[in-house]
Amino acid sequence: MKICCSLLLLLLFSQQPSAQAIKKADGASEHPEDEHIYDGVDYRWYWNANLGIVVPDDDIRLNEAQVLDLRVGKHFNENWAMEFEVMRDEYDFDIDFDLKHYAATFNFMYTNHDPLWKPYFLIGVGGIYSDSRFPETQDSDLIVNLAVGGSWYFTGNGVRIRAEARSRLDTNDSDLPGQDGFGDGQFTIGIIVPIGD
Protein backbone atom coordinates (compact mmCIF):
# COMPACT_ATOMS: atom_id res chain seq x y z
CA MET A 1 0.00 0.00 0.00
CA LYS A 2 2.82 2.42 0.90
CA ILE A 3 4.63 1.62 -2.34
CA CYS A 4 1.47 2.25 -4.39
CA CYS A 5 0.88 5.57 -2.65
CA SER A 6 4.49 6.62 -3.23
CA LEU A 7 4.24 5.87 -6.96
CA LEU A 8 0.98 7.78 -7.26
CA LEU A 9 2.48 10.77 -5.45
CA LEU A 10 5.45 10.77 -7.81
CA LEU A 11 3.05 10.94 -10.74
CA LEU A 12 0.98 13.57 -9.00
CA PHE A 13 3.82 15.99 -8.43
CA SER A 14 5.69 15.36 -11.68
CA GLN A 15 7.10 18.57 -13.09
CA GLN A 16 5.28 18.57 -16.42
CA PRO A 17 4.06 21.83 -17.97
CA SER A 18 0.37 22.25 -17.29
CA ALA A 19 -2.20 22.26 -20.07
CA GLN A 20 -3.20 25.78 -19.05
CA ALA A 21 0.39 27.07 -19.28
CA ILE A 22 0.76 25.68 -22.79
CA LYS A 23 -2.52 27.24 -23.90
CA LYS A 24 -1.60 30.63 -22.49
CA ALA A 25 1.77 30.48 -24.20
CA ASP A 26 -0.06 29.88 -27.45
CA GLY A 27 -2.25 32.93 -26.90
CA ALA A 28 -5.33 31.15 -25.55
CA SER A 29 -7.89 32.86 -23.34
CA GLU A 30 -6.69 33.82 -19.86
CA HIS A 31 -10.13 33.09 -18.41
CA PRO A 32 -10.17 29.47 -17.17
CA GLU A 33 -13.95 29.30 -17.39
CA ASP A 34 -13.68 29.75 -21.17
CA GLU A 35 -11.32 26.82 -21.63
CA HIS A 36 -12.47 23.45 -22.86
CA ILE A 37 -13.09 21.30 -19.79
CA TYR A 38 -11.24 18.32 -21.23
CA ASP A 39 -8.02 20.30 -21.63
CA GLY A 40 -7.88 22.24 -18.37
CA VAL A 41 -9.65 22.66 -15.04
CA ASP A 42 -13.41 22.49 -14.63
CA TYR A 43 -14.22 25.32 -12.20
CA ARG A 44 -17.89 24.45 -11.80
CA TRP A 45 -19.33 23.12 -8.56
CA TYR A 46 -19.86 19.36 -8.68
CA TRP A 47 -21.49 16.60 -6.71
CA ASN A 48 -19.93 13.17 -6.32
CA ALA A 49 -21.43 9.86 -5.13
CA ASN A 50 -19.16 6.89 -4.28
CA LEU A 51 -19.67 3.26 -3.25
CA GLY A 52 -17.04 0.89 -1.95
CA ILE A 53 -15.62 -1.37 0.69
CA VAL A 54 -13.82 -0.84 3.99
CA VAL A 55 -10.96 -3.04 5.19
CA PRO A 56 -11.20 -2.56 8.97
CA ASP A 57 -7.98 -2.36 10.96
CA ASP A 58 -5.77 -5.35 10.08
CA ASP A 59 -8.60 -7.52 8.66
CA ILE A 60 -7.80 -8.19 4.99
CA ARG A 61 -11.25 -9.59 4.13
CA LEU A 62 -13.05 -7.43 1.58
CA ASN A 63 -16.67 -8.38 2.26
CA GLU A 64 -17.12 -7.25 5.85
CA ALA A 65 -18.01 -3.57 5.46
CA GLN A 66 -19.62 -1.40 2.79
CA VAL A 67 -19.35 2.37 2.53
CA LEU A 68 -21.32 5.12 0.80
CA ASP A 69 -20.23 8.75 0.63
CA LEU A 70 -21.62 11.92 -0.97
CA ARG A 71 -19.46 14.96 -1.71
CA VAL A 72 -19.89 18.50 -3.00
CA GLY A 73 -16.80 20.35 -4.19
CA LYS A 74 -15.15 22.96 -6.36
CA HIS A 75 -11.71 23.87 -7.68
CA PHE A 76 -10.61 27.28 -6.42
CA ASN A 77 -7.38 27.40 -8.47
CA GLU A 78 -5.60 25.30 -11.07
CA ASN A 79 -4.53 22.54 -8.69
CA TRP A 80 -6.42 22.87 -5.41
CA ALA A 81 -10.02 21.94 -4.70
CA MET A 82 -12.15 21.72 -1.56
CA GLU A 83 -14.92 19.21 -0.83
CA PHE A 84 -17.52 18.68 1.87
CA GLU A 85 -18.20 14.98 2.43
CA VAL A 86 -20.72 12.92 4.38
CA MET A 87 -20.12 9.20 4.80
CA ARG A 88 -21.90 6.11 6.12
CA ASP A 89 -20.60 2.57 6.50
CA GLU A 90 -21.85 -0.65 8.05
CA TYR A 91 -19.83 -3.60 9.37
CA ASP A 92 -21.14 -7.16 9.42
CA PHE A 93 -18.33 -9.69 10.13
CA ASP A 94 -20.79 -12.52 9.30
CA ILE A 95 -22.22 -12.31 12.84
CA ASP A 96 -24.80 -9.54 12.46
CA PHE A 97 -22.42 -7.26 14.35
CA ASP A 98 -24.34 -4.14 13.30
CA LEU A 99 -21.60 -1.53 13.70
CA LYS A 100 -22.24 1.68 11.79
CA HIS A 101 -20.18 4.82 11.29
CA TYR A 102 -21.35 8.27 10.18
CA ALA A 103 -18.84 10.98 9.34
CA ALA A 104 -18.63 14.52 8.00
CA THR A 105 -15.33 15.96 6.74
CA PHE A 106 -13.80 18.83 4.82
CA ASN A 107 -11.35 17.58 2.19
CA PHE A 108 -8.55 19.46 0.45
CA MET A 109 -7.40 17.95 -2.82
CA TYR A 110 -4.34 18.59 -5.01
CA THR A 111 -4.82 17.44 -8.62
CA ASN A 112 -2.41 17.09 -11.53
CA HIS A 113 -4.54 17.79 -14.63
CA ASP A 114 -1.93 16.82 -17.23
CA PRO A 115 -2.49 13.02 -17.32
CA LEU A 116 -5.88 11.98 -18.72
CA TRP A 117 -6.71 10.27 -15.41
CA LYS A 118 -6.14 13.44 -13.34
CA PRO A 119 -4.31 11.88 -10.33
CA TYR A 120 -4.85 13.58 -6.98
CA PHE A 121 -3.82 13.54 -3.34
CA LEU A 122 -6.45 14.26 -0.69
CA ILE A 123 -6.35 15.14 3.00
CA GLY A 124 -9.53 15.58 5.03
CA VAL A 125 -10.40 16.40 8.63
CA GLY A 126 -13.72 16.02 10.44
CA GLY A 127 -15.71 13.98 12.93
CA ILE A 128 -16.95 10.39 12.97
CA TYR A 129 -19.78 8.86 15.02
CA SER A 130 -19.84 5.11 15.72
CA ASP A 131 -22.98 3.18 16.73
CA SER A 132 -22.65 -0.43 17.87
CA ARG A 133 -25.49 -2.73 18.99
CA PHE A 134 -23.46 -5.63 20.43
CA PRO A 135 -22.33 -4.27 22.83
CA GLU A 136 -24.44 -1.14 22.69
CA THR A 137 -22.01 1.77 22.53
CA GLN A 138 -21.92 5.15 20.82
CA ASP A 139 -18.81 7.28 20.43
CA SER A 140 -17.70 10.42 18.58
CA ASP A 141 -14.10 10.88 17.50
CA LEU A 142 -11.78 12.94 15.33
CA ILE A 143 -11.12 11.57 11.84
CA VAL A 144 -8.34 12.28 9.32
CA ASN A 145 -8.51 11.00 5.73
CA LEU A 146 -5.45 10.49 3.51
CA ALA A 147 -6.19 9.36 -0.03
CA VAL A 148 -4.91 9.04 -3.58
CA GLY A 149 -7.10 8.63 -6.62
CA GLY A 150 -7.95 9.67 -10.13
CA SER A 151 -10.87 10.44 -12.44
CA TRP A 152 -11.64 9.76 -16.09
CA TYR A 153 -14.07 11.53 -18.42
CA PHE A 154 -17.06 9.27 -18.97
CA THR A 155 -19.64 11.20 -20.98
CA GLY A 156 -20.55 14.71 -22.07
CA ASN A 157 -20.63 17.90 -19.97
CA GLY A 158 -17.60 16.84 -17.92
CA VAL A 159 -19.10 13.80 -16.17
CA ARG A 160 -16.28 11.63 -14.79
CA ILE A 161 -15.68 8.26 -13.16
CA ARG A 162 -13.72 8.54 -9.91
CA ALA A 163 -11.66 5.86 -8.12
CA GLU A 164 -9.98 6.34 -4.75
CA ALA A 165 -7.87 4.45 -2.18
CA ARG A 166 -7.97 5.92 1.30
CA SER A 167 -6.50 5.48 4.76
CA ARG A 168 -9.09 6.52 7.32
CA LEU A 169 -7.47 7.43 10.65
CA ASP A 170 -9.43 8.00 13.85
CA THR A 171 -8.87 8.19 17.60
CA ASN A 172 -11.17 5.27 18.53
CA ASP A 173 -9.32 2.27 20.03
CA SER A 174 -12.07 0.47 21.93
CA ASP A 175 -10.78 -3.10 21.29
CA LEU A 176 -14.08 -3.94 19.54
CA PRO A 177 -13.95 -5.61 16.10
CA GLY A 178 -13.69 -2.88 13.50
CA GLN A 179 -12.47 -0.38 16.08
CA ASP A 180 -9.46 -2.11 17.60
CA GLY A 181 -6.98 0.06 15.76
CA PHE A 182 -6.54 3.60 14.52
CA GLY A 183 -6.87 3.15 10.77
CA ASP A 184 -9.11 1.54 8.13
CA GLY A 185 -8.50 1.07 4.42
CA GLN A 186 -11.27 2.32 2.14
CA PHE A 187 -11.64 1.71 -1.61
CA THR A 188 -14.39 3.44 -3.59
CA ILE A 189 -15.57 4.10 -7.13
CA GLY A 190 -18.15 6.69 -8.10
CA ILE A 191 -19.32 9.37 -10.48
CA ILE A 192 -18.64 13.13 -10.59
CA VAL A 193 -21.37 15.32 -12.09
CA PRO A 194 -20.74 19.07 -12.62
CA ILE A 195 -23.46 21.50 -11.64
CA GLY A 196 -24.48 23.95 -14.36
CA ASP A 197 -23.19 24.58 -17.89
C-alpha atoms as a PDB file:
ATOM      1  CA  MET A   1       0.000   0.000   0.000  1.00  0.00           C
ATOM      2  CA  LYS A   2       2.820   2.417   0.904  1.00  0.00           C
ATOM      3  CA  ILE A   3       4.630   1.624  -2.341  1.00  0.00           C
ATOM      4  CA  CYS A   4       1.471   2.254  -4.388  1.00  0.00           C
ATOM      5  CA  CYS A   5       0.880   5.570  -2.646  1.00  0.00           C
ATOM      6  CA  SER A   6       4.489   6.622  -3.234  1.00  0.00           C
ATOM      7  CA  LEU A   7       4.243   5.866  -6.965  1.00  0.00           C
ATOM      8  CA  LEU A   8       0.983   7.783  -7.258  1.00  0.00           C
ATOM      9  CA  LEU A   9       2.479  10.766  -5.449  1.00  0.00           C
ATOM     10  CA  LEU A  10       5.449  10.767  -7.813  1.00  0.00           C
ATOM     11  CA  LEU A  11       3.046  10.937 -10.737  1.00  0.00           C
ATOM     12  CA  LEU A  12       0.982  13.574  -9.004  1.00  0.00           C
ATOM     13  CA  PHE A  13       3.820  15.988  -8.425  1.00  0.00           C
ATOM     14  CA  SER A  14       5.691  15.357 -11.682  1.00  0.00           C
ATOM     15  CA  GLN A  15       7.097  18.572 -13.091  1.00  0.00           C
ATOM     16  CA  GLN A  16       5.280  18.571 -16.421  1.00  0.00           C
ATOM     17  CA  PRO A  17       4.065  21.827 -17.966  1.00  0.00           C
ATOM     18  CA  SER A  18       0.375  22.247 -17.291  1.00  0.00           C
ATOM     19  CA  ALA A  19      -2.202  22.256 -20.067  1.00  0.00           C
ATOM     20  CA  GLN A  20      -3.197  25.778 -19.053  1.00  0.00           C
ATOM     21  CA  ALA A  21       0.389  27.073 -19.278  1.00  0.00           C
ATOM     22  CA  ILE A  22       0.759  25.679 -22.788  1.00  0.00           C
ATOM     23  CA  LYS A  23      -2.517  27.237 -23.896  1.00  0.00           C
ATOM     24  CA  LYS A  24      -1.598  30.634 -22.487  1.00  0.00           C
ATOM     25  CA  ALA A  25       1.772  30.478 -24.200  1.00  0.00           C
ATOM     26  CA  ASP A  26      -0.063  29.880 -27.455  1.00  0.00           C
ATOM     27  CA  GLY A  27      -2.248  32.926 -26.899  1.00  0.00           C
ATOM     28  CA  ALA A  28      -5.332  31.147 -25.551  1.00  0.00           C
ATOM     29  CA  SER A  29      -7.891  32.856 -23.338  1.00  0.00           C
ATOM     30  CA  GLU A  30      -6.694  33.815 -19.864  1.00  0.00           C
ATOM     31  CA  HIS A  31     -10.129  33.093 -18.410  1.00  0.00           C
ATOM     32  CA  PRO A  32     -10.170  29.474 -17.168  1.00  0.00           C
ATOM     33  CA  GLU A  33     -13.952  29.303 -17.395  1.00  0.00           C
ATOM     34  CA  ASP A  34     -13.676  29.752 -21.173  1.00  0.00           C
ATOM     35  CA  GLU A  35     -11.325  26.816 -21.625  1.00  0.00           C
ATOM     36  CA  HIS A  36     -12.468  23.452 -22.861  1.00  0.00           C
ATOM     37  CA  ILE A  37     -13.091  21.304 -19.794  1.00  0.00           C
ATOM     38  CA  TYR A  38     -11.242  18.319 -21.233  1.00  0.00           C
ATOM     39  CA  ASP A  39      -8.021  20.296 -21.632  1.00  0.00           C
ATOM     40  CA  GLY A  40      -7.884  22.239 -18.370  1.00  0.00           C
ATOM     41  CA  VAL A  41      -9.653  22.661 -15.045  1.00  0.00           C
ATOM     42  CA  ASP A  42     -13.409  22.493 -14.630  1.00  0.00           C
ATOM     43  CA  TYR A  43     -14.220  25.318 -12.198  1.00  0.00           C
ATOM     44  CA  ARG A  44     -17.888  24.449 -11.805  1.00  0.00           C
ATOM     45  CA  TRP A  45     -19.325  23.121  -8.560  1.00  0.00           C
ATOM     46  CA  TYR A  46     -19.857  19.363  -8.678  1.00  0.00           C
ATOM     47  CA  TRP A  47     -21.489  16.605  -6.706  1.00  0.00           C
ATOM     48  CA  ASN A  48     -19.935  13.166  -6.321  1.00  0.00           C
ATOM     49  CA  ALA A  49     -21.426   9.858  -5.135  1.00  0.00           C
ATOM     50  CA  ASN A  50     -19.164   6.888  -4.279  1.00  0.00           C
ATOM     51  CA  LEU A  51     -19.668   3.259  -3.253  1.00  0.00           C
ATOM     52  CA  GLY A  52     -17.043   0.891  -1.955  1.00  0.00           C
ATOM     53  CA  ILE A  53     -15.623  -1.372   0.694  1.00  0.00           C
ATOM     54  CA  VAL A  54     -13.818  -0.842   3.987  1.00  0.00           C
ATOM     55  CA  VAL A  55     -10.958  -3.037   5.190  1.00  0.00           C
ATOM     56  CA  PRO A  56     -11.201  -2.560   8.973  1.00  0.00           C
ATOM     57  CA  ASP A  57      -7.981  -2.364  10.961  1.00  0.00           C
ATOM     58  CA  ASP A  58      -5.771  -5.351  10.084  1.00  0.00           C
ATOM     59  CA  ASP A  59      -8.602  -7.517   8.660  1.00  0.00           C
ATOM     60  CA  ILE A  60      -7.801  -8.185   4.994  1.00  0.00           C
ATOM     61  CA  ARG A  61     -11.246  -9.592   4.125  1.00  0.00           C
ATOM     62  CA  LEU A  62     -13.050  -7.435   1.581  1.00  0.00           C
ATOM     63  CA  ASN A  63     -16.673  -8.384   2.260  1.00  0.00           C
ATOM     64  CA  GLU A  64     -17.123  -7.246   5.848  1.00  0.00           C
ATOM     65  CA  ALA A  65     -18.009  -3.567   5.460  1.00  0.00           C
ATOM     66  CA  GLN A  66     -19.617  -1.396   2.795  1.00  0.00           C
ATOM     67  CA  VAL A  67     -19.346   2.374   2.529  1.00  0.00           C
ATOM     68  CA  LEU A  68     -21.324   5.121   0.799  1.00  0.00           C
ATOM     69  CA  ASP A  69     -20.232   8.751   0.628  1.00  0.00           C
ATOM     70  CA  LEU A  70     -21.615  11.920  -0.966  1.00  0.00           C
ATOM     71  CA  ARG A  71     -19.462  14.963  -1.713  1.00  0.00           C
ATOM     72  CA  VAL A  72     -19.890  18.502  -3.003  1.00  0.00           C
ATOM     73  CA  GLY A  73     -16.803  20.350  -4.187  1.00  0.00           C
ATOM     74  CA  LYS A  74     -15.148  22.960  -6.363  1.00  0.00           C
ATOM     75  CA  HIS A  75     -11.705  23.872  -7.676  1.00  0.00           C
ATOM     76  CA  PHE A  76     -10.608  27.279  -6.418  1.00  0.00           C
ATOM     77  CA  ASN A  77      -7.382  27.403  -8.469  1.00  0.00           C
ATOM     78  CA  GLU A  78      -5.597  25.298 -11.073  1.00  0.00           C
ATOM     79  CA  ASN A  79      -4.530  22.537  -8.689  1.00  0.00           C
ATOM     80  CA  TRP A  80      -6.415  22.871  -5.407  1.00  0.00           C
ATOM     81  CA  ALA A  81     -10.023  21.938  -4.697  1.00  0.00           C
ATOM     82  CA  MET A  82     -12.146  21.723  -1.564  1.00  0.00           C
ATOM     83  CA  GLU A  83     -14.917  19.207  -0.827  1.00  0.00           C
ATOM     84  CA  PHE A  84     -17.525  18.684   1.870  1.00  0.00           C
ATOM     85  CA  GLU A  85     -18.204  14.978   2.431  1.00  0.00           C
ATOM     86  CA  VAL A  86     -20.719  12.921   4.383  1.00  0.00           C
ATOM     87  CA  MET A  87     -20.116   9.202   4.803  1.00  0.00           C
ATOM     88  CA  ARG A  88     -21.901   6.115   6.124  1.00  0.00           C
ATOM     89  CA  ASP A  89     -20.597   2.570   6.498  1.00  0.00           C
ATOM     90  CA  GLU A  90     -21.848  -0.654   8.053  1.00  0.00           C
ATOM     91  CA  TYR A  91     -19.827  -3.596   9.368  1.00  0.00           C
ATOM     92  CA  ASP A  92     -21.143  -7.158   9.425  1.00  0.00           C
ATOM     93  CA  PHE A  93     -18.328  -9.687  10.127  1.00  0.00           C
ATOM     94  CA  ASP A  94     -20.791 -12.521   9.297  1.00  0.00           C
ATOM     95  CA  ILE A  95     -22.220 -12.313  12.836  1.00  0.00           C
ATOM     96  CA  ASP A  96     -24.800  -9.541  12.456  1.00  0.00           C
ATOM     97  CA  PHE A  97     -22.418  -7.262  14.349  1.00  0.00           C
ATOM     98  CA  ASP A  98     -24.339  -4.144  13.301  1.00  0.00           C
ATOM     99  CA  LEU A  99     -21.599  -1.534  13.699  1.00  0.00           C
ATOM    100  CA  LYS A 100     -22.236   1.676  11.786  1.00  0.00           C
ATOM    101  CA  HIS A 101     -20.184   4.824  11.286  1.00  0.00           C
ATOM    102  CA  TYR A 102     -21.354   8.267  10.179  1.00  0.00           C
ATOM    103  CA  ALA A 103     -18.836  10.976   9.338  1.00  0.00           C
ATOM    104  CA  ALA A 104     -18.628  14.522   7.997  1.00  0.00           C
ATOM    105  CA  THR A 105     -15.333  15.957   6.744  1.00  0.00           C
ATOM    106  CA  PHE A 106     -13.799  18.828   4.821  1.00  0.00           C
ATOM    107  CA  ASN A 107     -11.353  17.584   2.186  1.00  0.00           C
ATOM    108  CA  PHE A 108      -8.547  19.464   0.446  1.00  0.00           C
ATOM    109  CA  MET A 109      -7.395  17.948  -2.819  1.00  0.00           C
ATOM    110  CA  TYR A 110      -4.336  18.593  -5.010  1.00  0.00           C
ATOM    111  CA  THR A 111      -4.823  17.437  -8.624  1.00  0.00           C
ATOM    112  CA  ASN A 112      -2.408  17.088 -11.533  1.00  0.00           C
ATOM    113  CA  HIS A 113      -4.544  17.788 -14.627  1.00  0.00           C
ATOM    114  CA  ASP A 114      -1.932  16.816 -17.228  1.00  0.00           C
ATOM    115  CA  PRO A 115      -2.488  13.024 -17.315  1.00  0.00           C
ATOM    116  CA  LEU A 116      -5.876  11.975 -18.717  1.00  0.00           C
ATOM    117  CA  TRP A 117      -6.714  10.265 -15.410  1.00  0.00           C
ATOM    118  CA  LYS A 118      -6.145  13.436 -13.338  1.00  0.00           C
ATOM    119  CA  PRO A 119      -4.307  11.882 -10.330  1.00  0.00           C
ATOM    120  CA  TYR A 120      -4.852  13.581  -6.982  1.00  0.00           C
ATOM    121  CA  PHE A 121      -3.822  13.543  -3.343  1.00  0.00           C
ATOM    122  CA  LEU A 122      -6.454  14.264  -0.691  1.00  0.00           C
ATOM    123  CA  ILE A 123      -6.351  15.142   2.998  1.00  0.00           C
ATOM    124  CA  GLY A 124      -9.530  15.581   5.033  1.00  0.00           C
ATOM    125  CA  VAL A 125     -10.405  16.404   8.633  1.00  0.00           C
ATOM    126  CA  GLY A 126     -13.720  16.023  10.435  1.00  0.00           C
ATOM    127  CA  GLY A 127     -15.705  13.984  12.925  1.00  0.00           C
ATOM    128  CA  ILE A 128     -16.953  10.390  12.970  1.00  0.00           C
ATOM    129  CA  TYR A 129     -19.779   8.863  15.023  1.00  0.00           C
ATOM    130  CA  SER A 130     -19.838   5.105  15.725  1.00  0.00           C
ATOM    131  CA  ASP A 131     -22.975   3.184  16.725  1.00  0.00           C
ATOM    132  CA  SER A 132     -22.646  -0.427  17.868  1.00  0.00           C
ATOM    133  CA  ARG A 133     -25.486  -2.734  18.989  1.00  0.00           C
ATOM    134  CA  PHE A 134     -23.458  -5.628  20.425  1.00  0.00           C
ATOM    135  CA  PRO A 135     -22.328  -4.269  22.830  1.00  0.00           C
ATOM    136  CA  GLU A 136     -24.444  -1.139  22.686  1.00  0.00           C
ATOM    137  CA  THR A 137     -22.014   1.771  22.534  1.00  0.00           C
ATOM    138  CA  GLN A 138     -21.925   5.148  20.824  1.00  0.00           C
ATOM    139  CA  ASP A 139     -18.809   7.281  20.426  1.00  0.00           C
ATOM    140  CA  SER A 140     -17.702  10.420  18.584  1.00  0.00           C
ATOM    141  CA  ASP A 141     -14.105  10.877  17.497  1.00  0.00           C
ATOM    142  CA  LEU A 142     -11.778  12.941  15.329  1.00  0.00           C
ATOM    143  CA  ILE A 143     -11.122  11.571  11.835  1.00  0.00           C
ATOM    144  CA  VAL A 144      -8.339  12.279   9.319  1.00  0.00           C
ATOM    145  CA  ASN A 145      -8.508  11.002   5.731  1.00  0.00           C
ATOM    146  CA  LEU A 146      -5.447  10.492   3.512  1.00  0.00           C
ATOM    147  CA  ALA A 147      -6.190   9.362  -0.031  1.00  0.00           C
ATOM    148  CA  VAL A 148      -4.910   9.041  -3.580  1.00  0.00           C
ATOM    149  CA  GLY A 149      -7.097   8.632  -6.618  1.00  0.00           C
ATOM    150  CA  GLY A 150      -7.955   9.670 -10.133  1.00  0.00           C
ATOM    151  CA  SER A 151     -10.867  10.438 -12.442  1.00  0.00           C
ATOM    152  CA  TRP A 152     -11.641   9.758 -16.090  1.00  0.00           C
ATOM    153  CA  TYR A 153     -14.067  11.530 -18.417  1.00  0.00           C
ATOM    154  CA  PHE A 154     -17.057   9.272 -18.969  1.00  0.00           C
ATOM    155  CA  THR A 155     -19.637  11.204 -20.979  1.00  0.00           C
ATOM    156  CA  GLY A 156     -20.549  14.715 -22.068  1.00  0.00           C
ATOM    157  CA  ASN A 157     -20.629  17.897 -19.972  1.00  0.00           C
ATOM    158  CA  GLY A 158     -17.599  16.838 -17.922  1.00  0.00           C
ATOM    159  CA  VAL A 159     -19.099  13.796 -16.170  1.00  0.00           C
ATOM    160  CA  ARG A 160     -16.281  11.633 -14.789  1.00  0.00           C
ATOM    161  CA  ILE A 161     -15.682   8.257 -13.158  1.00  0.00           C
ATOM    162  CA  ARG A 162     -13.721   8.544  -9.910  1.00  0.00           C
ATOM    163  CA  ALA A 163     -11.660   5.864  -8.119  1.00  0.00           C
ATOM    164  CA  GLU A 164      -9.976   6.336  -4.746  1.00  0.00           C
ATOM    165  CA  ALA A 165      -7.874   4.446  -2.181  1.00  0.00           C
ATOM    166  CA  ARG A 166      -7.966   5.921   1.299  1.00  0.00           C
ATOM    167  CA  SER A 167      -6.500   5.477   4.757  1.00  0.00           C
ATOM    168  CA  ARG A 168      -9.089   6.525   7.322  1.00  0.00           C
ATOM    169  CA  LEU A 169      -7.473   7.425  10.647  1.00  0.00           C
ATOM    170  CA  ASP A 170      -9.430   8.002  13.853  1.00  0.00           C
ATOM    171  CA  THR A 171      -8.873   8.189  17.603  1.00  0.00           C
ATOM    172  CA  ASN A 172     -11.173   5.265  18.530  1.00  0.00           C
ATOM    173  CA  ASP A 173      -9.322   2.275  20.029  1.00  0.00           C
ATOM    174  CA  SER A 174     -12.065   0.468  21.927  1.00  0.00           C
ATOM    175  CA  ASP A 175     -10.784  -3.102  21.287  1.00  0.00           C
ATOM    176  CA  LEU A 176     -14.082  -3.941  19.539  1.00  0.00           C
ATOM    177  CA  PRO A 177     -13.946  -5.613  16.105  1.00  0.00           C
ATOM    178  CA  GLY A 178     -13.691  -2.882  13.502  1.00  0.00           C
ATOM    179  CA  GLN A 179     -12.475  -0.377  16.080  1.00  0.00           C
ATOM    180  CA  ASP A 180      -9.462  -2.113  17.596  1.00  0.00           C
ATOM    181  CA  GLY A 181      -6.977   0.061  15.759  1.00  0.00           C
ATOM    182  CA  PHE A 182      -6.543   3.596  14.519  1.00  0.00           C
ATOM    183  CA  GLY A 183      -6.872   3.148  10.766  1.00  0.00           C
ATOM    184  CA  ASP A 184      -9.108   1.544   8.131  1.00  0.00           C
ATOM    185  CA  GLY A 185      -8.504   1.068   4.421  1.00  0.00           C
ATOM    186  CA  GLN A 186     -11.266   2.322   2.136  1.00  0.00           C
ATOM    187  CA  PHE A 187     -11.645   1.713  -1.611  1.00  0.00           C
ATOM    188  CA  THR A 188     -14.386   3.440  -3.590  1.00  0.00           C
ATOM    189  CA  ILE A 189     -15.574   4.105  -7.125  1.00  0.00           C
ATOM    190  CA  GLY A 190     -18.149   6.693  -8.102  1.00  0.00           C
ATOM    191  CA  ILE A 191     -19.322   9.372 -10.476  1.00  0.00           C
ATOM    192  CA  ILE A 192     -18.642  13.131 -10.589  1.00  0.00           C
ATOM    193  CA  VAL A 193     -21.370  15.322 -12.086  1.00  0.00           C
ATOM    194  CA  PRO A 194     -20.737  19.073 -12.619  1.00  0.00           C
ATOM    195  CA  ILE A 195     -23.464  21.498 -11.639  1.00  0.00           C
ATOM    196  CA  GLY A 196     -24.482  23.946 -14.356  1.00  0.00           C
ATOM    197  CA  ASP A 197     -23.188  24.578 -17.886  1.00  0.00           C
END
